[in-house]
């Protein structure tokens, strides 16, 4: 079970507990605080608080989903560009054999760095730079290939740009402190609902459903903001298909 799954389940339990504590606290509060007028004022304030929480949750979820989609697009583009370069080197023929081997090694190193879960051990930090330098050196030796060699050099430049753009998505876009702060906000909100809402079966059911929705939203934000780790990840199949084609 992943860390984000454990965190989401824990948050769900805390939200339920917060509502229960709020409900229990309302029984022991002085009558001044549980009078109908006081409950109405508090409920109106909590409703505004809830609207702000929903807007914040929705905005964060959209941003995380956009970041995930961008990472997925970069992986597909990178695989396409590596495949195109491999096809160009195949057309050059035997003189490009060393360049094809260097391209295969570069693709393997990039795949291990982008998807560390596929590697038995973490690759060296400078492995991508070394593999790229070896590929660039092999391409420069294709002096007799003419326009094909120039196009291969241009493709390597495009691949480098895509890989650098992909590296920006290597870490989580939503920090632990952001998610924790928002979770505390939700816990306080559910505790307030426990105090102000009427103690009926319908209110209890809505409380459980709301807690599940809030915890699910936090789970999705945490997962989508880190597209290469966790339960929901970008697929590595485009790069693996290219690796099989190069081998």
C-alpha atoms as a PDB file:
ATOM      1  CA  UNK A   1       0.000   0.000   0.000  1.00  0.00           C
ATOM      2  CA  UNK A   2       1.439   3.363  -1.050  1.00  0.00           C
ATOM      3  CA  UNK A   3       2.098   6.301   1.273  1.00  0.00           C
ATOM      4  CA  UNK A   4      -0.612   8.398  -0.408  1.00  0.00           C
ATOM      5  CA  UNK A   5      -3.169   5.598   0.059  1.00  0.00           C
ATOM      6  CA  UNK A   6      -2.326   5.325   3.758  1.00  0.00           C
ATOM      7  CA  UNK A   7      -2.505   9.117   4.109  1.00  0.00           C
ATOM      8  CA  UNK A   8      -5.907   9.272   2.368  1.00  0.00           C
ATOM      9  CA  UNK A   9      -7.357   6.479   4.528  1.00  0.00           C
ATOM     10  CA  UNK A  10      -5.990   8.156   7.651  1.00  0.00           C
ATOM     11  CA  UNK A  11      -7.516  11.472   6.588  1.00  0.00           C
ATOM     12  CA  UNK A  12     -10.877   9.770   6.017  1.00  0.00           C
ATOM     13  CA  UNK A  13     -10.729   8.358   9.554  1.00  0.00           C
ATOM     14  CA  UNK A  14      -9.732  11.754  11.005  1.00  0.00           C
ATOM     15  CA  UNK A  15     -12.597  13.498   9.202  1.00  0.00           C
ATOM     16  CA  UNK A  16     -15.090  10.994  10.599  1.00  0.00           C
ATOM     17  CA  UNK A  17     -13.570  11.361  14.049  1.00  0.00           C
ATOM     18  CA  UNK A  18     -13.669  15.159  13.798  1.00  0.00           C
ATOM     19  CA  UNK A  19     -17.368  15.049  13.001  1.00  0.00           C
ATOM     20  CA  UNK A  20     -17.996  12.666  15.864  1.00  0.00           C
ATOM     21  CA  UNK A  21     -16.054  14.859  18.292  1.00  0.00           C
ATOM     22  CA  UNK A  22     -17.955  17.915  17.098  1.00  0.00           C
ATOM     23  CA  UNK A  23     -21.262  16.119  17.601  1.00  0.00           C
ATOM     24  CA  UNK A  24     -20.262  15.023  21.101  1.00  0.00           C
ATOM     25  CA  UNK A  25     -19.010  18.503  21.963  1.00  0.00           C
ATOM     26  CA  UNK A  26     -22.320  20.071  20.952  1.00  0.00           C
ATOM     27  CA  UNK A  27     -24.047  18.059  23.669  1.00  0.00           C
ATOM     28  CA  UNK A  28     -21.901  19.591  26.387  1.00  0.00           C
ATOM     29  CA  UNK A  29     -21.755  23.156  25.056  1.00  0.00           C
ATOM     30  CA  UNK A  30     -23.657  25.848  26.982  1.00  0.00           C
ATOM     31  CA  UNK A  31     -27.136  26.495  25.682  1.00  0.00           C
ATOM     32  CA  UNK A  32     -25.998  29.892  24.369  1.00  0.00           C
ATOM     33  CA  UNK A  33     -23.884  28.179  21.699  1.00  0.00           C
ATOM     34  CA  UNK A  34     -26.425  25.590  20.604  1.00  0.00           C
ATOM     35  CA  UNK A  35     -29.463  27.857  20.428  1.00  0.00           C
ATOM     36  CA  UNK A  36     -31.156  27.890  16.995  1.00  0.00           C
ATOM     37  CA  UNK A  37     -29.954  31.426  16.185  1.00  0.00           C
ATOM     38  CA  UNK A  38     -26.361  30.620  17.128  1.00  0.00           C
ATOM     39  CA  UNK A  39     -26.489  27.402  15.107  1.00  0.00           C
ATOM     40  CA  UNK A  40     -27.784  29.303  12.072  1.00  0.00           C
ATOM     41  CA  UNK A  41     -24.995  31.885  12.232  1.00  0.00           C
ATOM     42  CA  UNK A  42     -22.346  29.199  12.670  1.00  0.00           C
ATOM     43  CA  UNK A  43     -23.830  27.084   9.870  1.00  0.00           C
ATOM     44  CA  UNK A  44     -23.812  30.027   7.449  1.00  0.00           C
ATOM     45  CA  UNK A  45     -20.155  30.694   8.254  1.00  0.00           C
ATOM     46  CA  UNK A  46     -19.248  27.044   7.790  1.00  0.00           C
ATOM     47  CA  UNK A  47     -21.054  26.930   4.449  1.00  0.00           C
ATOM     48  CA  UNK A  48     -18.889  29.792   3.199  1.00  0.00           C
ATOM     49  CA  UNK A  49     -15.860  27.989   4.606  1.00  0.00           C
ATOM     50  CA  UNK A  50     -16.943  24.810   2.772  1.00  0.00           C
ATOM     51  CA  UNK A  51     -17.352  26.657  -0.544  1.00  0.00           C
ATOM     52  CA  UNK A  52     -13.818  28.031  -0.248  1.00  0.00           C
ATOM     53  CA  UNK A  53     -12.534  24.529   0.575  1.00  0.00           C
ATOM     54  CA  UNK A  54     -14.285  23.015  -2.458  1.00  0.00           C
ATOM     55  CA  UNK A  55     -12.931  25.736  -4.751  1.00  0.00           C
ATOM     56  CA  UNK A  56      -9.408  25.256  -3.410  1.00  0.00           C
ATOM     57  CA  UNK A  57      -9.665  21.480  -3.712  1.00  0.00           C
ATOM     58  CA  UNK A  58     -11.007  21.709  -7.253  1.00  0.00           C
ATOM     59  CA  UNK A  59      -8.358  24.202  -8.372  1.00  0.00           C
ATOM     60  CA  UNK A  60      -5.564  22.091  -6.896  1.00  0.00           C
ATOM     61  CA  UNK A  61      -6.947  18.959  -8.523  1.00  0.00           C
ATOM     62  CA  UNK A  62      -7.141  20.618 -11.946  1.00  0.00           C
ATOM     63  CA  UNK A  63      -3.557  21.882 -11.618  1.00  0.00           C
ATOM     64  CA  UNK A  64      -2.313  18.429 -10.584  1.00  0.00           C
ATOM     65  CA  UNK A  65      -4.167  16.785 -13.476  1.00  0.00           C
ATOM     66  CA  UNK A  66      -2.685  19.306 -15.925  1.00  0.00           C
ATOM     67  CA  UNK A  67       0.813  18.560 -14.613  1.00  0.00           C
ATOM     68  CA  UNK A  68       0.184  14.821 -14.999  1.00  0.00           C
ATOM     69  CA  UNK A  69      -1.049  15.268 -18.570  1.00  0.00           C
ATOM     70  CA  UNK A  70       2.002  17.385 -19.437  1.00  0.00           C
ATOM     71  CA  UNK A  71       4.337  14.677 -18.106  1.00  0.00           C
ATOM     72  CA  UNK A  72       2.485  12.043 -20.130  1.00  0.00           C
ATOM     73  CA  UNK A  73       2.740  14.165 -23.285  1.00  0.00           C
ATOM     74  CA  UNK A  74       6.484  14.628 -22.732  1.00  0.00           C
ATOM     75  CA  UNK A  75       6.998  10.864 -22.359  1.00  0.00           C
ATOM     76  CA  UNK A  76       5.099  10.208 -25.610  1.00  0.00           C
ATOM     77  CA  UNK A  77       7.035  12.942 -27.412  1.00  0.00           C
ATOM     78  CA  UNK A  78      10.365  11.665 -26.124  1.00  0.00           C
ATOM     79  CA  UNK A  79       9.577   8.120 -27.249  1.00  0.00           C
ATOM     80  CA  UNK A  80       8.501   9.382 -30.677  1.00  0.00           C
ATOM     81  CA  UNK A  81      11.666  11.438 -31.126  1.00  0.00           C
ATOM     82  CA  UNK A  82      13.954   8.586 -30.064  1.00  0.00           C
ATOM     83  CA  UNK A  83      12.107   6.270 -32.451  1.00  0.00           C
ATOM     84  CA  UNK A  84      12.497   8.777 -35.291  1.00  0.00           C
ATOM     85  CA  UNK A  85      16.222   9.120 -34.648  1.00  0.00           C
ATOM     86  CA  UNK A  86      16.568   5.333 -34.582  1.00  0.00           C
ATOM     87  CA  UNK A  87      14.761   5.108 -37.935  1.00  0.00           C
ATOM     88  CA  UNK A  88      17.062   7.761 -39.436  1.00  0.00           C
ATOM     89  CA  UNK A  89      20.148   5.883 -38.262  1.00  0.00           C
ATOM     90  CA  UNK A  90      18.777   2.649 -39.745  1.00  0.00           C
ATOM     91  CA  UNK A  91      18.447   4.357 -43.116  1.00  0.00           C
ATOM     92  CA  UNK A  92      22.106   5.437 -42.984  1.00  0.00           C
ATOM     93  CA  UNK A  93      23.121   1.788 -42.664  1.00  0.00           C
ATOM     94  CA  UNK A  94      26.273   0.111 -41.291  1.00  0.00           C
ATOM     95  CA  UNK A  95      28.216   3.373 -40.794  1.00  0.00           C
ATOM     96  CA  UNK A  96      25.664   4.317 -38.115  1.00  0.00           C
ATOM     97  CA  UNK A  97      25.964   1.059 -36.155  1.00  0.00           C
ATOM     98  CA  UNK A  98      27.893   2.675 -33.292  1.00  0.00           C
ATOM     99  CA  UNK A  99      25.428   5.571 -33.197  1.00  0.00           C
ATOM    100  CA  UNK A 100      22.506   3.138 -32.971  1.00  0.00           C
ATOM    101  CA  UNK A 101      24.191   1.345 -30.071  1.00  0.00           C
ATOM    102  CA  UNK A 102      24.776   4.681 -28.344  1.00  0.00           C
ATOM    103  CA  UNK A 103      21.125   5.645 -28.940  1.00  0.00           C
ATOM    104  CA  UNK A 104      19.930   2.355 -27.439  1.00  0.00           C
ATOM    105  CA  UNK A 105      22.095   2.912 -24.364  1.00  0.00           C
ATOM    106  CA  UNK A 106      20.820   6.492 -24.077  1.00  0.00           C
ATOM    107  CA  UNK A 107      17.190   5.333 -24.292  1.00  0.00           C
ATOM    108  CA  UNK A 108      17.790   2.699 -21.607  1.00  0.00           C
ATOM    109  CA  UNK A 109      19.442   5.228 -19.276  1.00  0.00           C
ATOM    110  CA  UNK A 110      16.687   7.801 -19.789  1.00  0.00           C
ATOM    111  CA  UNK A 111      13.998   5.194 -19.131  1.00  0.00           C
ATOM    112  CA  UNK A 112      15.674   4.114 -15.882  1.00  0.00           C
ATOM    113  CA  UNK A 113      15.983   7.733 -14.751  1.00  0.00           C
ATOM    114  CA  UNK A 114      12.417   8.721 -15.649  1.00  0.00           C
ATOM    115  CA  UNK A 115      10.913   5.522 -14.226  1.00  0.00           C
ATOM    116  CA  UNK A 116      13.197   4.593 -11.301  1.00  0.00           C
ATOM    117  CA  UNK A 117      10.796   1.855 -10.235  1.00  0.00           C
ATOM    118  CA  UNK A 118      11.861  -0.191 -13.283  1.00  0.00           C
ATOM    119  CA  UNK A 119      15.536  -0.227 -12.242  1.00  0.00           C
ATOM    120  CA  UNK A 120      16.928  -2.670  -9.741  1.00  0.00           C
ATOM    121  CA  UNK A 121      19.029   0.146  -8.251  1.00  0.00           C
ATOM    122  CA  UNK A 122      19.128   3.905  -8.674  1.00  0.00           C
ATOM    123  CA  UNK A 123      21.267   4.909 -11.695  1.00  0.00           C
ATOM    124  CA  UNK A 124      24.157   7.346 -11.175  1.00  0.00           C
ATOM    125  CA  UNK A 125      23.155  11.003 -11.150  1.00  0.00           C
ATOM    126  CA  UNK A 126      25.286  11.827 -14.210  1.00  0.00           C
ATOM    127  CA  UNK A 127      24.361   8.728 -16.216  1.00  0.00           C
ATOM    128  CA  UNK A 128      22.050  10.604 -18.587  1.00  0.00           C
ATOM    129  CA  UNK A 129      24.672  13.273 -19.347  1.00  0.00           C
ATOM    130  CA  UNK A 130      27.308  10.621 -20.060  1.00  0.00           C
ATOM    131  CA  UNK A 131      24.982   8.648 -22.326  1.00  0.00           C
ATOM    132  CA  UNK A 132      23.992  11.842 -24.172  1.00  0.00           C
ATOM    133  CA  UNK A 133      27.640  12.838 -24.632  1.00  0.00           C
ATOM    134  CA  UNK A 134      28.449   9.376 -26.041  1.00  0.00           C
ATOM    135  CA  UNK A 135      25.498   9.612 -28.455  1.00  0.00           C
ATOM    136  CA  UNK A 136      26.484  13.117 -29.578  1.00  0.00           C
ATOM    137  CA  UNK A 137      30.058  11.930 -30.189  1.00  0.00           C
ATOM    138  CA  UNK A 138      28.826   8.972 -32.256  1.00  0.00           C
ATOM    139  CA  UNK A 139      26.594  11.234 -34.342  1.00  0.00           C
ATOM    140  CA  UNK A 140      29.464  13.625 -35.061  1.00  0.00           C
ATOM    141  CA  UNK A 141      31.391  10.745 -36.609  1.00  0.00           C
ATOM    142  CA  UNK A 142      28.770  10.374 -39.344  1.00  0.00           C
ATOM    143  CA  UNK A 143      30.620  12.784 -41.590  1.00  0.00           C
ATOM    144  CA  UNK A 144      29.727  10.947 -44.812  1.00  0.00           C
ATOM    145  CA  UNK A 145      25.975  10.814 -44.178  1.00  0.00           C
ATOM    146  CA  UNK A 146      25.354  14.412 -45.292  1.00  0.00           C
ATOM    147  CA  UNK A 147      21.804  15.654 -44.726  1.00  0.00           C
ATOM    148  CA  UNK A 148      20.875  12.529 -42.771  1.00  0.00           C
ATOM    149  CA  UNK A 149      23.616  13.244 -40.222  1.00  0.00           C
ATOM    150  CA  UNK A 150      22.480  16.876 -39.921  1.00  0.00           C
ATOM    151  CA  UNK A 151      18.907  15.736 -39.326  1.00  0.00           C
ATOM    152  CA  UNK A 152      20.119  13.266 -36.683  1.00  0.00           C
ATOM    153  CA  UNK A 153      21.947  16.077 -34.886  1.00  0.00           C
ATOM    154  CA  UNK A 154      18.776  18.175 -34.951  1.00  0.00           C
ATOM    155  CA  UNK A 155      16.759  15.265 -33.551  1.00  0.00           C
ATOM    156  CA  UNK A 156      19.240  14.865 -30.694  1.00  0.00           C
ATOM    157  CA  UNK A 157      18.796  18.548 -29.835  1.00  0.00           C
ATOM    158  CA  UNK A 158      15.006  18.087 -29.814  1.00  0.00           C
ATOM    159  CA  UNK A 159      15.318  14.954 -27.654  1.00  0.00           C
ATOM    160  CA  UNK A 160      17.483  16.858 -25.165  1.00  0.00           C
ATOM    161  CA  UNK A 161      14.905  19.645 -24.897  1.00  0.00           C
ATOM    162  CA  UNK A 162      12.087  17.162 -24.306  1.00  0.00           C
ATOM    163  CA  UNK A 163      14.084  15.285 -21.667  1.00  0.00           C
ATOM    164  CA  UNK A 164      14.835  18.529 -19.821  1.00  0.00           C
ATOM    165  CA  UNK A 165      11.144  19.451 -19.901  1.00  0.00           C
ATOM    166  CA  UNK A 166      10.339  15.993 -18.568  1.00  0.00           C
ATOM    167  CA  UNK A 167      12.843  16.401 -15.731  1.00  0.00           C
ATOM    168  CA  UNK A 168      10.746  19.303 -14.400  1.00  0.00           C
ATOM    169  CA  UNK A 169       8.017  16.769 -13.523  1.00  0.00           C
ATOM    170  CA  UNK A 170      10.374  14.448 -11.625  1.00  0.00           C
ATOM    171  CA  UNK A 171       9.272  15.761  -8.203  1.00  0.00           C
ATOM    172  CA  UNK A 172       5.854  16.342  -6.690  1.00  0.00           C
ATOM    173  CA  UNK A 173       4.218  19.659  -7.604  1.00  0.00           C
ATOM    174  CA  UNK A 174       2.149  19.648  -4.381  1.00  0.00           C
ATOM    175  CA  UNK A 175       4.368  19.600  -1.308  1.00  0.00           C
ATOM    176  CA  UNK A 176       3.693  17.579   1.826  1.00  0.00           C
ATOM    177  CA  UNK A 177       3.114  20.786   3.783  1.00  0.00           C
ATOM    178  CA  UNK A 178       0.516  22.040   1.308  1.00  0.00           C
ATOM    179  CA  UNK A 179      -1.428  18.794   1.496  1.00  0.00           C
ATOM    180  CA  UNK A 180      -1.103  18.616   5.292  1.00  0.00           C
ATOM    181  CA  UNK A 181      -2.307  22.206   5.733  1.00  0.00           C
ATOM    182  CA  UNK A 182      -5.312  21.617   3.510  1.00  0.00           C
ATOM    183  CA  UNK A 183      -6.071  18.388   5.385  1.00  0.00           C
ATOM    184  CA  UNK A 184      -6.098  20.235   8.724  1.00  0.00           C
ATOM    185  CA  UNK A 185      -8.431  22.768   7.144  1.00  0.00           C
ATOM    186  CA  UNK A 186     -10.824  19.962   6.199  1.00  0.00           C
ATOM    187  CA  UNK A 187     -10.624  18.390   9.672  1.00  0.00           C
ATOM    188  CA  UNK A 188     -11.570  21.715  11.279  1.00  0.00           C
ATOM    189  CA  UNK A 189     -14.422  22.098   8.796  1.00  0.00           C
ATOM    190  CA  UNK A 190     -15.864  18.651   9.543  1.00  0.00           C
ATOM    191  CA  UNK A 191     -15.562  19.259  13.279  1.00  0.00           C
ATOM    192  CA  UNK A 192     -17.577  22.439  12.832  1.00  0.00           C
ATOM    193  CA  UNK A 193     -20.246  20.579  10.880  1.00  0.00           C
ATOM    194  CA  UNK A 194     -20.456  18.060  13.715  1.00  0.00           C
ATOM    195  CA  UNK A 195     -21.272  20.879  16.112  1.00  0.00           C
ATOM    196  CA  UNK A 196     -23.796  22.750  13.975  1.00  0.00           C
ATOM    197  CA  UNK A 197     -25.657  20.132  11.918  1.00  0.00           C
ATOM    198  CA  UNK A 198     -28.761  18.416  13.211  1.00  0.00           C
ATOM    199  CA  UNK A 199     -28.076  14.963  14.616  1.00  0.00           C
ATOM    200  CA  UNK A 200     -30.026  12.885  12.092  1.00  0.00           C
ATOM    201  CA  UNK A 201     -29.305   9.785  10.017  1.00  0.00           C
ATOM    202  CA  UNK A 202     -29.271  11.849   6.807  1.00  0.00           C
ATOM    203  CA  UNK A 203     -26.662  14.202   8.284  1.00  0.00           C
ATOM    204  CA  UNK A 204     -24.524  11.233   9.343  1.00  0.00           C
ATOM    205  CA  UNK A 205     -24.689   9.702   5.853  1.00  0.00           C
ATOM    206  CA  UNK A 206     -23.772  13.024   4.236  1.00  0.00           C
ATOM    207  CA  UNK A 207     -20.907  13.380   6.686  1.00  0.00           C
ATOM    208  CA  UNK A 208     -19.487   9.975   5.684  1.00  0.00           C
ATOM    209  CA  UNK A 209     -19.917  10.688   1.964  1.00  0.00           C
ATOM    210  CA  UNK A 210     -18.328  14.119   2.337  1.00  0.00           C
ATOM    211  CA  UNK A 211     -15.375  12.654   4.229  1.00  0.00           C
ATOM    212  CA  UNK A 212     -14.882  10.035   1.517  1.00  0.00           C
ATOM    213  CA  UNK A 213     -15.036  12.670  -1.235  1.00  0.00           C
ATOM    214  CA  UNK A 214     -12.598  14.994   0.550  1.00  0.00           C
ATOM    215  CA  UNK A 215     -10.114  12.199   1.292  1.00  0.00           C
ATOM    216  CA  UNK A 216     -10.432  10.984  -2.305  1.00  0.00           C
ATOM    217  CA  UNK A 217      -9.721  14.473  -3.602  1.00  0.00           C
ATOM    218  CA  UNK A 218      -6.593  14.762  -1.467  1.00  0.00           C
ATOM    219  CA  UNK A 219      -5.501  11.314  -2.688  1.00  0.00           C
ATOM    220  CA  UNK A 220      -5.880  12.347  -6.344  1.00  0.00           C
ATOM    221  CA  UNK A 221      -3.989  15.607  -5.802  1.00  0.00           C
ATOM    222  CA  UNK A 222      -1.102  13.781  -4.125  1.00  0.00           C
ATOM    223  CA  UNK A 223      -0.982  11.091  -6.825  1.00  0.00           C
ATOM    224  CA  UNK A 224      -1.384  13.282  -9.920  1.00  0.00           C
ATOM    225  CA  UNK A 225       1.142  15.846  -8.697  1.00  0.00           C
ATOM    226  CA  UNK A 226       3.855  13.145  -8.680  1.00  0.00           C
ATOM    227  CA  UNK A 227       3.358  11.400 -12.047  1.00  0.00           C
ATOM    228  CA  UNK A 228       6.243   8.902 -11.802  1.00  0.00           C
ATOM    229  CA  UNK A 229       5.657   7.540  -8.282  1.00  0.00           C
ATOM    230  CA  UNK A 230       2.703   6.077  -6.426  1.00  0.00           C
ATOM    231  CA  UNK A 231      -0.447   4.288  -7.540  1.00  0.00           C
ATOM    232  CA  UNK A 232      -1.377   6.529 -10.494  1.00  0.00           C
ATOM    233  CA  UNK A 233       1.652   6.942 -12.759  1.00  0.00           C
ATOM    234  CA  UNK A 234       2.452   7.830 -16.348  1.00  0.00           C
ATOM    235  CA  UNK A 235       2.825   4.707 -18.479  1.00  0.00           C
ATOM    236  CA  UNK A 236       6.352   3.686 -19.469  1.00  0.00           C
ATOM    237  CA  UNK A 237       5.101   1.650 -22.438  1.00  0.00           C
ATOM    238  CA  UNK A 238       5.991   4.226 -25.141  1.00  0.00           C
ATOM    239  CA  UNK A 239       9.652   4.154 -24.110  1.00  0.00           C
ATOM    240  CA  UNK A 240       9.683   0.381 -23.670  1.00  0.00           C
ATOM    241  CA  UNK A 241       8.259  -0.061 -27.186  1.00  0.00           C
ATOM    242  CA  UNK A 242      11.041   2.132 -28.591  1.00  0.00           C
ATOM    243  CA  UNK A 243      13.661   0.170 -26.642  1.00  0.00           C
ATOM    244  CA  UNK A 244      12.381  -3.084 -28.149  1.00  0.00           C
ATOM    245  CA  UNK A 245      12.517  -1.541 -31.619  1.00  0.00           C
ATOM    246  CA  UNK A 246      16.117  -0.412 -31.106  1.00  0.00           C
ATOM    247  CA  UNK A 247      17.351  -3.749 -29.742  1.00  0.00           C
END
